[in-house]
C-alpha atoms as a PDB file:
ATOM      1  CA  MET A   1      -8.599 -15.921 -14.285  1.00  0.00           C
ATOM      2  CA  ASN A   2      -5.593 -16.540 -12.034  1.00  0.00           C
ATOM      3  CA  LYS A   3      -4.835 -15.518  -8.481  1.00  0.00           C
ATOM      4  CA  ARG A   4      -3.030 -12.215  -8.846  1.00  0.00           C
ATOM      5  CA  LEU A   5      -1.349 -10.169  -6.160  1.00  0.00           C
ATOM      6  CA  ILE A   6      -0.143  -6.580  -5.835  1.00  0.00           C
ATOM      7  CA  VAL A   7       2.506  -6.146  -3.126  1.00  0.00           C
ATOM      8  CA  THR A   8       2.575  -2.482  -2.118  1.00  0.00           C
ATOM      9  CA  ALA A   9       5.186  -0.779   0.041  1.00  0.00           C
ATOM     10  CA  ASP A  10       3.626   2.153   1.871  1.00  0.00           C
ATOM     11  CA  ASP A  11       5.356   5.337   3.120  1.00  0.00           C
ATOM     12  CA  PHE A  12       7.631   5.821   0.094  1.00  0.00           C
ATOM     13  CA  GLY A  13       9.161   9.233   0.740  1.00  0.00           C
ATOM     14  CA  LEU A  14       9.093   9.065   4.543  1.00  0.00           C
ATOM     15  CA  THR A  15      12.904   8.866   4.917  1.00  0.00           C
ATOM     16  CA  ASP A  16      15.873   8.075   2.705  1.00  0.00           C
ATOM     17  CA  GLY A  17      16.237   4.758   4.546  1.00  0.00           C
ATOM     18  CA  VAL A  18      12.644   3.823   3.819  1.00  0.00           C
ATOM     19  CA  ASN A  19      13.134   4.792   0.186  1.00  0.00           C
ATOM     20  CA  ARG A  20      16.229   2.614  -0.202  1.00  0.00           C
ATOM     21  CA  ALA A  21      14.463  -0.300   1.448  1.00  0.00           C
ATOM     22  CA  VAL A  22      11.414   0.015  -0.790  1.00  0.00           C
ATOM     23  CA  VAL A  23      13.617  -0.058  -3.894  1.00  0.00           C
ATOM     24  CA  ARG A  24      15.581  -3.039  -2.587  1.00  0.00           C
ATOM     25  CA  ALA A  25      12.335  -4.881  -1.834  1.00  0.00           C
ATOM     26  CA  HIS A  26      11.341  -4.213  -5.433  1.00  0.00           C
ATOM     27  CA  GLN A  27      14.664  -5.056  -7.097  1.00  0.00           C
ATOM     28  CA  GLU A  28      15.523  -8.098  -4.995  1.00  0.00           C
ATOM     29  CA  GLY A  29      12.128  -9.127  -3.681  1.00  0.00           C
ATOM     30  CA  VAL A  30       8.418  -9.218  -4.347  1.00  0.00           C
ATOM     31  CA  VAL A  31       7.293  -5.581  -4.006  1.00  0.00           C
ATOM     32  CA  THR A  32       5.619  -4.401  -7.214  1.00  0.00           C
ATOM     33  CA  SER A  33       4.126  -1.082  -6.125  1.00  0.00           C
ATOM     34  CA  ALA A  34       4.927   1.830  -3.821  1.00  0.00           C
ATOM     35  CA  SER A  35       2.718   4.519  -2.299  1.00  0.00           C
ATOM     36  CA  LEU A  36       4.372   7.946  -2.455  1.00  0.00           C
ATOM     37  CA  MET A  37       3.978  10.517   0.336  1.00  0.00           C
ATOM     38  CA  VAL A  38       4.415  13.912  -1.305  1.00  0.00           C
ATOM     39  CA  ASN A  39       4.540  15.891   1.948  1.00  0.00           C
ATOM     40  CA  SER A  40       7.253  13.884   3.659  1.00  0.00           C
ATOM     41  CA  PRO A  41      10.943  14.757   4.134  1.00  0.00           C
ATOM     42  CA  ALA A  42      12.416  12.342   1.599  1.00  0.00           C
ATOM     43  CA  PHE A  43       9.940  12.992  -1.214  1.00  0.00           C
ATOM     44  CA  GLU A  44      12.564  14.192  -3.698  1.00  0.00           C
ATOM     45  CA  SER A  45      14.818  11.158  -3.226  1.00  0.00           C
ATOM     46  CA  ALA A  46      11.803   8.863  -3.607  1.00  0.00           C
ATOM     47  CA  VAL A  47      10.953  10.507  -6.915  1.00  0.00           C
ATOM     48  CA  GLU A  48      14.530  10.102  -8.167  1.00  0.00           C
ATOM     49  CA  LEU A  49      14.599   6.439  -7.163  1.00  0.00           C
ATOM     50  CA  ALA A  50      11.238   5.897  -8.870  1.00  0.00           C
ATOM     51  CA  ARG A  51      12.632   7.384 -12.082  1.00  0.00           C
ATOM     52  CA  GLN A  52      15.578   4.986 -11.875  1.00  0.00           C
ATOM     53  CA  ASN A  53      13.211   2.025 -11.392  1.00  0.00           C
ATOM     54  CA  PRO A  54      10.447   2.433 -13.996  1.00  0.00           C
ATOM     55  CA  ASN A  55       8.985  -1.023 -13.298  1.00  0.00           C
ATOM     56  CA  LEU A  56       8.119   0.076  -9.753  1.00  0.00           C
ATOM     57  CA  ASP A  57       4.482   1.150  -9.910  1.00  0.00           C
ATOM     58  CA  ILE A  58       3.772   4.424  -8.075  1.00  0.00           C
ATOM     59  CA  GLY A  59       0.593   5.565  -6.358  1.00  0.00           C
ATOM     60  CA  LEU A  60      -0.212   8.537  -4.145  1.00  0.00           C
ATOM     61  CA  HIS A  61      -0.233   7.872  -0.392  1.00  0.00           C
ATOM     62  CA  LEU A  62      -2.661  10.658   0.548  1.00  0.00           C
ATOM     63  CA  ASN A  63      -1.524  12.104   3.882  1.00  0.00           C
ATOM     64  CA  LEU A  64      -4.169  14.010   5.823  1.00  0.00           C
ATOM     65  CA  THR A  65      -3.110  12.971   9.311  1.00  0.00           C
ATOM     66  CA  ASN A  66       0.539  13.840   9.995  1.00  0.00           C
ATOM     67  CA  LYS A  67       1.288  17.360  11.210  1.00  0.00           C
ATOM     68  CA  PRO A  68       1.474  19.985   9.796  1.00  0.00           C
ATOM     69  CA  PHE A  69      -0.918  18.515   7.242  1.00  0.00           C
ATOM     70  CA  ALA A  70      -3.514  17.143   9.683  1.00  0.00           C
ATOM     71  CA  LEU A  71      -7.139  17.872   8.934  1.00  0.00           C
ATOM     72  CA  VAL A  72      -9.868  17.822  11.552  1.00  0.00           C
ATOM     73  CA  LEU A  73     -12.360  14.964  11.500  1.00  0.00           C
ATOM     74  CA  ARG A  74     -14.986  17.140   9.850  1.00  0.00           C
ATOM     75  CA  PRO A  75     -12.994  19.284   7.428  1.00  0.00           C
ATOM     76  CA  HIS A  76     -14.608  21.960   5.345  1.00  0.00           C
ATOM     77  CA  GLN A  77     -15.296  20.348   1.984  1.00  0.00           C
ATOM     78  CA  LEU A  78     -13.489  23.045   0.024  1.00  0.00           C
ATOM     79  CA  ASP A  79     -10.407  22.819   2.258  1.00  0.00           C
ATOM     80  CA  LEU A  80     -10.389  19.051   1.895  1.00  0.00           C
ATOM     81  CA  GLU A  81     -10.690  19.204  -1.877  1.00  0.00           C
ATOM     82  CA  ARG A  82      -7.931  21.812  -2.036  1.00  0.00           C
ATOM     83  CA  GLU A  83      -5.559  19.597  -0.033  1.00  0.00           C
ATOM     84  CA  VAL A  84      -6.374  16.497  -2.094  1.00  0.00           C
ATOM     85  CA  ARG A  85      -5.790  18.406  -5.308  1.00  0.00           C
ATOM     86  CA  THR A  86      -2.537  19.871  -3.985  1.00  0.00           C
ATOM     87  CA  GLN A  87      -1.126  16.444  -3.173  1.00  0.00           C
ATOM     88  CA  ILE A  88      -2.283  14.893  -6.443  1.00  0.00           C
ATOM     89  CA  GLU A  89      -0.820  17.780  -8.439  1.00  0.00           C
ATOM     90  CA  LYS A  90       2.518  17.468  -6.634  1.00  0.00           C
ATOM     91  CA  ALA A  91       2.637  13.745  -7.405  1.00  0.00           C
ATOM     92  CA  VAL A  92       1.571  14.120 -11.043  1.00  0.00           C
ATOM     93  CA  GLY A  93       3.931  17.095 -11.435  1.00  0.00           C
ATOM     94  CA  THR A  94       6.912  14.795 -10.951  1.00  0.00           C
ATOM     95  CA  GLY A  95       6.240  13.295 -14.356  1.00  0.00           C
ATOM     96  CA  LEU A  96       5.831   9.845 -12.816  1.00  0.00           C
ATOM     97  CA  ASP A  97       2.922   7.705 -13.936  1.00  0.00           C
ATOM     98  CA  ILE A  98       0.660   7.865 -10.861  1.00  0.00           C
ATOM     99  CA  THR A  99      -1.600   4.866 -11.328  1.00  0.00           C
ATOM    100  CA  HIS A 100      -3.629   4.796  -8.125  1.00  0.00           C
ATOM    101  CA  LEU A 101      -4.377   6.395  -4.790  1.00  0.00           C
ATOM    102  CA  ASP A 102      -4.579   5.171  -1.213  1.00  0.00           C
ATOM    103  CA  GLY A 103      -4.569   6.835   2.192  1.00  0.00           C
ATOM    104  CA  HIS A 104      -1.987   7.128   4.945  1.00  0.00           C
ATOM    105  CA  LYS A 105      -3.662   5.641   8.038  1.00  0.00           C
ATOM    106  CA  HIS A 106      -6.377   4.548   5.543  1.00  0.00           C
ATOM    107  CA  VAL A 107      -8.034   7.984   5.553  1.00  0.00           C
ATOM    108  CA  HIS A 108      -9.563   7.272   2.147  1.00  0.00           C
ATOM    109  CA  VAL A 109     -12.191   5.124   3.865  1.00  0.00           C
ATOM    110  CA  ILE A 110     -13.682   8.247   5.502  1.00  0.00           C
ATOM    111  CA  PRO A 111     -16.821   9.034   3.445  1.00  0.00           C
ATOM    112  CA  ALA A 112     -16.058  12.755   3.021  1.00  0.00           C
ATOM    113  CA  VAL A 113     -12.519  11.992   1.858  1.00  0.00           C
ATOM    114  CA  LEU A 114     -13.611   9.188  -0.446  1.00  0.00           C
ATOM    115  CA  LYS A 115     -16.231  11.429  -2.037  1.00  0.00           C
ATOM    116  CA  VAL A 116     -13.606  14.038  -2.903  1.00  0.00           C
ATOM    117  CA  ILE A 117     -11.144  11.443  -4.205  1.00  0.00           C
ATOM    118  CA  ARG A 118     -13.714   9.881  -6.516  1.00  0.00           C
ATOM    119  CA  ALA A 119     -14.649  13.295  -7.889  1.00  0.00           C
ATOM    120  CA  VAL A 120     -11.136  14.680  -8.265  1.00  0.00           C
ATOM    121  CA  ALA A 121      -8.678  11.849  -8.990  1.00  0.00           C
ATOM    122  CA  PRO A 122     -10.022  10.915 -12.465  1.00  0.00           C
ATOM    123  CA  GLU A 123      -9.446  14.516 -13.598  1.00  0.00           C
ATOM    124  CA  TYR A 124      -5.731  13.800 -13.212  1.00  0.00           C
ATOM    125  CA  GLY A 125      -5.833  10.426 -14.942  1.00  0.00           C
ATOM    126  CA  ILE A 126      -5.941   8.402 -11.716  1.00  0.00           C
ATOM    127  CA  HIS A 127      -8.588   5.720 -12.114  1.00  0.00           C
ATOM    128  CA  ALA A 128      -7.746   3.224  -9.368  1.00  0.00           C
ATOM    129  CA  ILE A 129      -8.007   3.232  -5.605  1.00  0.00           C
ATOM    130  CA  ARG A 130      -7.021   0.804  -2.851  1.00  0.00           C
ATOM    131  CA  THR A 131     -10.080  -1.192  -1.856  1.00  0.00           C
ATOM    132  CA  MET A 132     -10.892  -1.461   1.832  1.00  0.00           C
ATOM    133  CA  ASN A 133     -12.606  -4.803   1.403  1.00  0.00           C
ATOM    134  CA  THR A 134     -10.189  -6.135   3.988  1.00  0.00           C
ATOM    135  CA  ARG A 135      -9.241  -9.690   4.883  1.00  0.00           C
ATOM    136  CA  SER A 136      -7.234 -10.949   7.866  1.00  0.00           C
ATOM    137  CA  ALA A 137      -5.857 -14.443   7.302  1.00  0.00           C
ATOM    138  CA  GLY A 138      -4.467 -16.684  10.038  1.00  0.00           C
ATOM    139  CA  ILE A 139      -5.264 -14.252  12.824  1.00  0.00           C
ATOM    140  CA  MET A 140      -5.098 -16.880  15.587  1.00  0.00           C
ATOM    141  CA  SER A 141      -1.656 -17.952  14.398  1.00  0.00           C
ATOM    142  CA  LEU A 142      -0.549 -14.307  14.369  1.00  0.00           C
ATOM    143  CA  LEU A 143      -1.737 -13.847  17.954  1.00  0.00           C
ATOM    144  CA  ARG A 144       0.034 -16.994  19.122  1.00  0.00           C
ATOM    145  CA  ARG A 145       3.327 -15.891  17.570  1.00  0.00           C
ATOM    146  CA  ASN A 146       3.087 -12.425  19.131  1.00  0.00           C
ATOM    147  CA  PRO A 147       1.666 -12.900  22.652  1.00  0.00           C
ATOM    148  CA  GLU A 148       3.117  -9.594  23.891  1.00  0.00           C
ATOM    149  CA  ALA A 149       1.306  -7.675  21.131  1.00  0.00           C
ATOM    150  CA  ARG A 150      -2.146  -9.217  21.259  1.00  0.00           C
ATOM    151  CA  GLY A 151      -3.743  -5.913  22.215  1.00  0.00           C
ATOM    152  CA  PRO A 152      -2.442  -3.938  19.215  1.00  0.00           C
ATOM    153  CA  ILE A 153      -3.156  -6.808  16.826  1.00  0.00           C
ATOM    154  CA  ILE A 154      -6.753  -7.092  18.038  1.00  0.00           C
ATOM    155  CA  GLN A 155      -7.183  -3.314  17.739  1.00  0.00           C
ATOM    156  CA  GLN A 156      -5.911  -3.459  14.164  1.00  0.00           C
ATOM    157  CA  LEU A 157      -8.220  -6.372  13.414  1.00  0.00           C
ATOM    158  CA  ILE A 158     -11.215  -4.436  14.754  1.00  0.00           C
ATOM    159  CA  PHE A 159     -10.251  -1.440  12.637  1.00  0.00           C
ATOM    160  CA  ALA A 160      -9.884  -3.650   9.546  1.00  0.00           C
ATOM    161  CA  ARG A 161     -13.327  -5.112   9.998  1.00  0.00           C
ATOM    162  CA  GLY A 162     -14.839  -1.700  10.633  1.00  0.00           C
ATOM    163  CA  ALA A 163     -13.179  -0.336   7.512  1.00  0.00           C
ATOM    164  CA  ARG A 164     -14.534  -3.244   5.471  1.00  0.00           C
ATOM    165  CA  LEU A 165     -18.044  -2.563   6.761  1.00  0.00           C
ATOM    166  CA  ALA A 166     -17.768   1.155   5.995  1.00  0.00           C
ATOM    167  CA  TRP A 167     -16.441   0.418   2.504  1.00  0.00           C
ATOM    168  CA  ARG A 168     -19.366  -1.860   1.720  1.00  0.00           C
ATOM    169  CA  PHE A 169     -21.804   0.907   2.613  1.00  0.00           C
ATOM    170  CA  CYS A 170     -20.180   3.328   0.188  1.00  0.00           C
ATOM    171  CA  LEU A 171     -21.814   4.134  -3.108  1.00  0.00           C
ATOM    172  CA  PRO A 172     -20.700   1.936  -6.025  1.00  0.00           C
ATOM    173  CA  ASN A 173     -17.131   2.791  -6.917  1.00  0.00           C
ATOM    174  CA  ALA A 174     -16.446   4.083 -10.420  1.00  0.00           C
ATOM    175  CA  MET A 175     -12.713   3.598  -9.831  1.00  0.00           C
ATOM    176  CA  ALA A 176     -10.912   0.322 -10.389  1.00  0.00           C
ATOM    177  CA  GLY A 177      -9.326  -1.554  -7.512  1.00  0.00           C
ATOM    178  CA  PRO A 178      -8.310  -4.961  -6.191  1.00  0.00           C
ATOM    179  CA  ASP A 179     -10.949  -7.392  -4.967  1.00  0.00           C
ATOM    180  CA  ARG A 180      -9.482  -7.747  -1.475  1.00  0.00           C
ATOM    181  CA  PHE A 181      -6.923  -5.964   0.689  1.00  0.00           C
ATOM    182  CA  TYR A 182      -4.626  -7.604   3.248  1.00  0.00           C
ATOM    183  CA  GLY A 183      -2.227  -6.226   5.822  1.00  0.00           C
ATOM    184  CA  ILE A 184      -4.051  -4.050   8.343  1.00  0.00           C
ATOM    185  CA  ALA A 185      -4.233  -6.560  11.190  1.00  0.00           C
ATOM    186  CA  GLU A 186      -0.704  -7.676  10.295  1.00  0.00           C
ATOM    187  CA  THR A 187       0.791  -4.156  10.346  1.00  0.00           C
ATOM    188  CA  GLY A 188       4.058  -4.366  12.255  1.00  0.00           C
ATOM    189  CA  PHE A 189       3.845  -8.160  12.427  1.00  0.00           C
ATOM    190  CA  LEU A 190       4.045  -9.178   8.771  1.00  0.00           C
ATOM    191  CA  ASP A 191       6.394 -12.161   8.836  1.00  0.00           C
ATOM    192  CA  LEU A 192       6.810 -15.124   6.504  1.00  0.00           C
ATOM    193  CA  GLU A 193       4.105 -17.136   8.270  1.00  0.00           C
ATOM    194  CA  ALA A 194       1.635 -14.251   8.014  1.00  0.00           C
ATOM    195  CA  PHE A 195       2.450 -13.893   4.323  1.00  0.00           C
ATOM    196  CA  ARG A 196       2.003 -17.636   3.842  1.00  0.00           C
ATOM    197  CA  ASN A 197      -1.461 -17.437   5.445  1.00  0.00           C
ATOM    198  CA  ILE A 198      -2.381 -14.574   3.123  1.00  0.00           C
ATOM    199  CA  ILE A 199      -1.220 -16.538   0.069  1.00  0.00           C
ATOM    200  CA  GLN A 200      -3.263 -19.557   1.154  1.00  0.00           C
ATOM    201  CA  ASP A 201      -6.337 -17.348   1.633  1.00  0.00           C
ATOM    202  CA  LEU A 202      -6.259 -15.827  -1.851  1.00  0.00           C
ATOM    203  CA  ALA A 203      -9.202 -16.558  -4.091  1.00  0.00           C
ATOM    204  CA  VAL A 204      -9.205 -16.216  -7.866  1.00  0.00           C
ATOM    205  CA  GLY A 205      -8.997 -12.521  -8.681  1.00  0.00           C
ATOM    206  CA  VAL A 206      -6.831  -9.507  -7.917  1.00  0.00           C
ATOM    207  CA  HIS A 207      -5.696  -8.764  -4.372  1.00  0.00           C
ATOM    208  CA  GLU A 208      -3.320  -6.373  -2.610  1.00  0.00           C
ATOM    209  CA  VAL A 209      -1.118  -6.798   0.436  1.00  0.00           C
ATOM    210  CA  MET A 210       0.387  -3.804   2.208  1.00  0.00           C
ATOM    211  CA  CYS A 211       3.905  -3.832   3.653  1.00  0.00           C
ATOM    212  CA  HIS A 212       6.314  -1.367   5.282  1.00  0.00           C
ATOM    213  CA  PRO A 213       9.990  -2.073   4.478  1.00  0.00           C
ATOM    214  CA  GLY A 214      12.584   0.336   5.801  1.00  0.00           C
ATOM    215  CA  TYR A 215      15.964   0.845   7.406  1.00  0.00           C
ATOM    216  CA  LEU A 216      16.015   1.954  11.026  1.00  0.00           C
ATOM    217  CA  ASP A 217      18.130   5.094  11.328  1.00  0.00           C
ATOM    218  CA  ALA A 218      18.035   8.451  13.107  1.00  0.00           C
ATOM    219  CA  ASP A 219      15.715   9.953  10.506  1.00  0.00           C
ATOM    220  CA  LEU A 220      13.144   7.207  10.967  1.00  0.00           C
ATOM    221  CA  ARG A 221      13.302   7.540  14.755  1.00  0.00           C
ATOM    222  CA  HIS A 222      12.292  11.185  14.393  1.00  0.00           C
ATOM    223  CA  GLN A 223       9.244  10.436  12.251  1.00  0.00           C
ATOM    224  CA  PRO A 224       5.718  10.023  13.651  1.00  0.00           C
ATOM    225  CA  THR A 225       5.642   6.250  13.128  1.00  0.00           C
ATOM    226  CA  ARG A 226       5.558   3.305  15.494  1.00  0.00           C
ATOM    227  CA  LEU A 227       7.064   0.997  12.857  1.00  0.00           C
ATOM    228  CA  LEU A 228      10.807   0.953  13.503  1.00  0.00           C
ATOM    229  CA  THR A 229      12.664  -2.370  13.787  1.00  0.00           C
ATOM    230  CA  GLN A 230       9.589  -3.973  12.229  1.00  0.00           C
ATOM    231  CA  ARG A 231      10.468  -2.328   8.909  1.00  0.00           C
ATOM    232  CA  GLU A 232      13.855  -4.017   8.755  1.00  0.00           C
ATOM    233  CA  ARG A 233      12.324  -7.403   9.565  1.00  0.00           C
ATOM    234  CA  GLU A 234       9.781  -6.947   6.782  1.00  0.00           C
ATOM    235  CA  LEU A 235      12.530  -5.975   4.346  1.00  0.00           C
ATOM    236  CA  GLU A 236      14.432  -9.166   5.026  1.00  0.00           C
ATOM    237  CA  MET A 237      11.272 -11.225   4.656  1.00  0.00           C
ATOM    238  CA  LEU A 238      10.268  -9.491   1.410  1.00  0.00           C
ATOM    239  CA  THR A 239      13.672 -10.162  -0.158  1.00  0.00           C
ATOM    240  CA  SER A 240      14.109 -13.708   1.148  1.00  0.00           C
ATOM    241  CA  GLN A 241      14.362 -16.780  -1.046  1.00  0.00           C
ATOM    242  CA  GLU A 242      11.589 -18.346   1.045  1.00  0.00           C
ATOM    243  CA  ILE A 243       8.977 -15.790   0.026  1.00  0.00           C
ATOM    244  CA  ARG A 244       9.988 -15.990  -3.625  1.00  0.00           C
ATOM    245  CA  ASP A 245       9.683 -19.772  -3.497  1.00  0.00           C
ATOM    246  CA  LEU A 246       6.331 -19.492  -1.714  1.00  0.00           C
ATOM    247  CA  ILE A 247       4.830 -17.248  -4.371  1.00  0.00           C
ATOM    248  CA  ARG A 248       6.182 -19.273  -7.251  1.00  0.00           C
ATOM    249  CA  SER A 249       5.056 -22.629  -5.829  1.00  0.00           C
ATOM    250  CA  SER A 250       1.582 -21.232  -5.113  1.00  0.00           C
ATOM    251  CA  GLY A 251       1.092 -20.176  -8.719  1.00  0.00           C
ATOM    252  CA  ILE A 252       0.521 -16.557  -7.717  1.00  0.00           C
ATOM    253  CA  GLU A 253       0.946 -13.963 -10.441  1.00  0.00           C
ATOM    254  CA  LEU A 254       2.611 -10.796  -9.156  1.00  0.00           C
ATOM    255  CA  ILE A 255       1.182  -7.700 -10.824  1.00  0.00           C
ATOM    256  CA  SER A 256       0.822  -3.994 -10.067  1.00  0.00           C
ATOM    257  CA  TYR A 257      -1.778  -1.292 -10.553  1.00  0.00           C
ATOM    258  CA  LYS A 258      -0.246  -0.702 -13.974  1.00  0.00           C
ATOM    259  CA  ASN A 259      -1.594  -4.124 -14.899  1.00  0.00           C
ATOM    260  CA  LEU A 260      -4.919  -3.485 -13.221  1.00  0.00           C
ATOM    261  CA  VAL A 261      -5.807  -0.250 -14.960  1.00  0.00           C
ATOM    262  CA  GLY A 262      -5.786   0.595 -18.646  1.00  0.00           C
ATOM    263  CA  THR A 263      -7.304   3.803 -19.880  1.00  0.00           C
ATOM    264  CA  HIS A 264     -10.042   3.060 -17.369  1.00  0.00           C
ATOM    265  CA  GLY A 265     -10.990  -0.308 -15.948  1.00  0.00           C
ATOM    266  CA  ILE A 266      -9.349  -3.705 -15.625  1.00  0.00           C
ATOM    267  CA  HIS A 267      -7.381  -5.533 -18.276  1.00  0.00           C
ATOM    268  CA  ARG A 268      -4.936  -8.415 -18.322  1.00  0.00           C
ATOM    269  CA  THR A 269      -1.218  -8.332 -18.976  1.00  0.00           C
ATOM    270  CA  GLY A 270       1.761 -10.522 -18.196  1.00  0.00           C
ATOM    271  CA  SER A 271       3.116 -11.182 -14.740  1.00  0.00           C
ATOM    272  CA  LEU A 272       5.776  -8.982 -13.167  1.00  0.00           C
ATOM    273  CA  LEU A 273       7.273 -11.963 -11.377  1.00  0.00           C
ATOM    274  CA  ASP A 274      10.311 -12.380 -13.601  1.00  0.00           C
ATOM    275  CA  ARG A 275      11.003  -8.822 -14.700  1.00  0.00           C
ATOM    276  CA  CYS A 276      10.506  -7.068 -11.366  1.00  0.00           C
ATOM    277  CA  SER A 277      12.223  -9.314  -8.869  1.00  0.00           C
ATOM    278  CA  ALA A 278      14.947 -11.849  -8.439  1.00  0.00           C
ATOM    279  CA  LEU A 279      12.589 -14.796  -8.520  1.00  0.00           C
END
C-alpha cells in the first residue's frame, strides 16, 4: 500500500471569495476535497461551483458553533439529532455526492455529537468521517518561523493532542476514515515548510491534511473567522509549483474520500494527481 493523501479545503460556502479560492486550489493545485457549510452565506454558489467541478470531492462541514446555529455544550439529544439531520438533508438535497462528514471547529469529536453522526449519517449514504487521530509534524520548526504566534500555535497543538486522546477513547468507529489527520496545530500557519514536514511524516496508509484557502474581501472580514490574510497565503502555497513538485517527488498519491469509500469501507482506485490538478 502506498502513502496516500487527501487534501481538504474547509469552509466551502463561507463566502464567494472562499469558494473561488477552493476551486482554484483544486483546479490549479493539490486540493482534492472540500467541506461544505450548508448554513453559510455563500452556500448556493459553492453548490454551483461543485457541480461545475465534479472531480472535487464534497463532504459536509457540520456547523454547530457559529450563530445563529450555535448549540450549547450539553444539547438536548433530540435537538442535536434534528440539527444534524437538517444539515445532512440540505447537503444531500443539492444532488451532490456527499461522501463524508467533518465538523466546523472539530465539533464531531464531542462524544454526544459523534454518537448522533454515527447513528444518522449512514442513513443518508454517508459512510466516512474525518478521523481525529491527529498528528503535528515539525512543530518546533513551525514555532521558530512564527515567533509572534507561539501562543496560538501551542494552544492549537494542545487542542490537537486532546482531540486525539478523546478520539481514541471513543467506541470503535463503524465509519471509514483516514488513518491520520494533519493541520490543527498548523491552522493559520500552513506554509510550504509545514506542508513539507507533513509529507515527510506520512507513513504508509491514508492521511488527510486540512487547509483554508480563500480571498480576503469585505465579505470575509464580516465572517466570524480569524483566518483572513492567512487564507490567501495558503492559496498561493497550494497552487505553487513547489508543492506540486514536492508531492510528486515524494511519491505521494493524492486521493479523495471518493477513493476511500465504496459502498461501505475502503477500496483502492487510481490517483487524482494528474486528473485533478496541474501537476
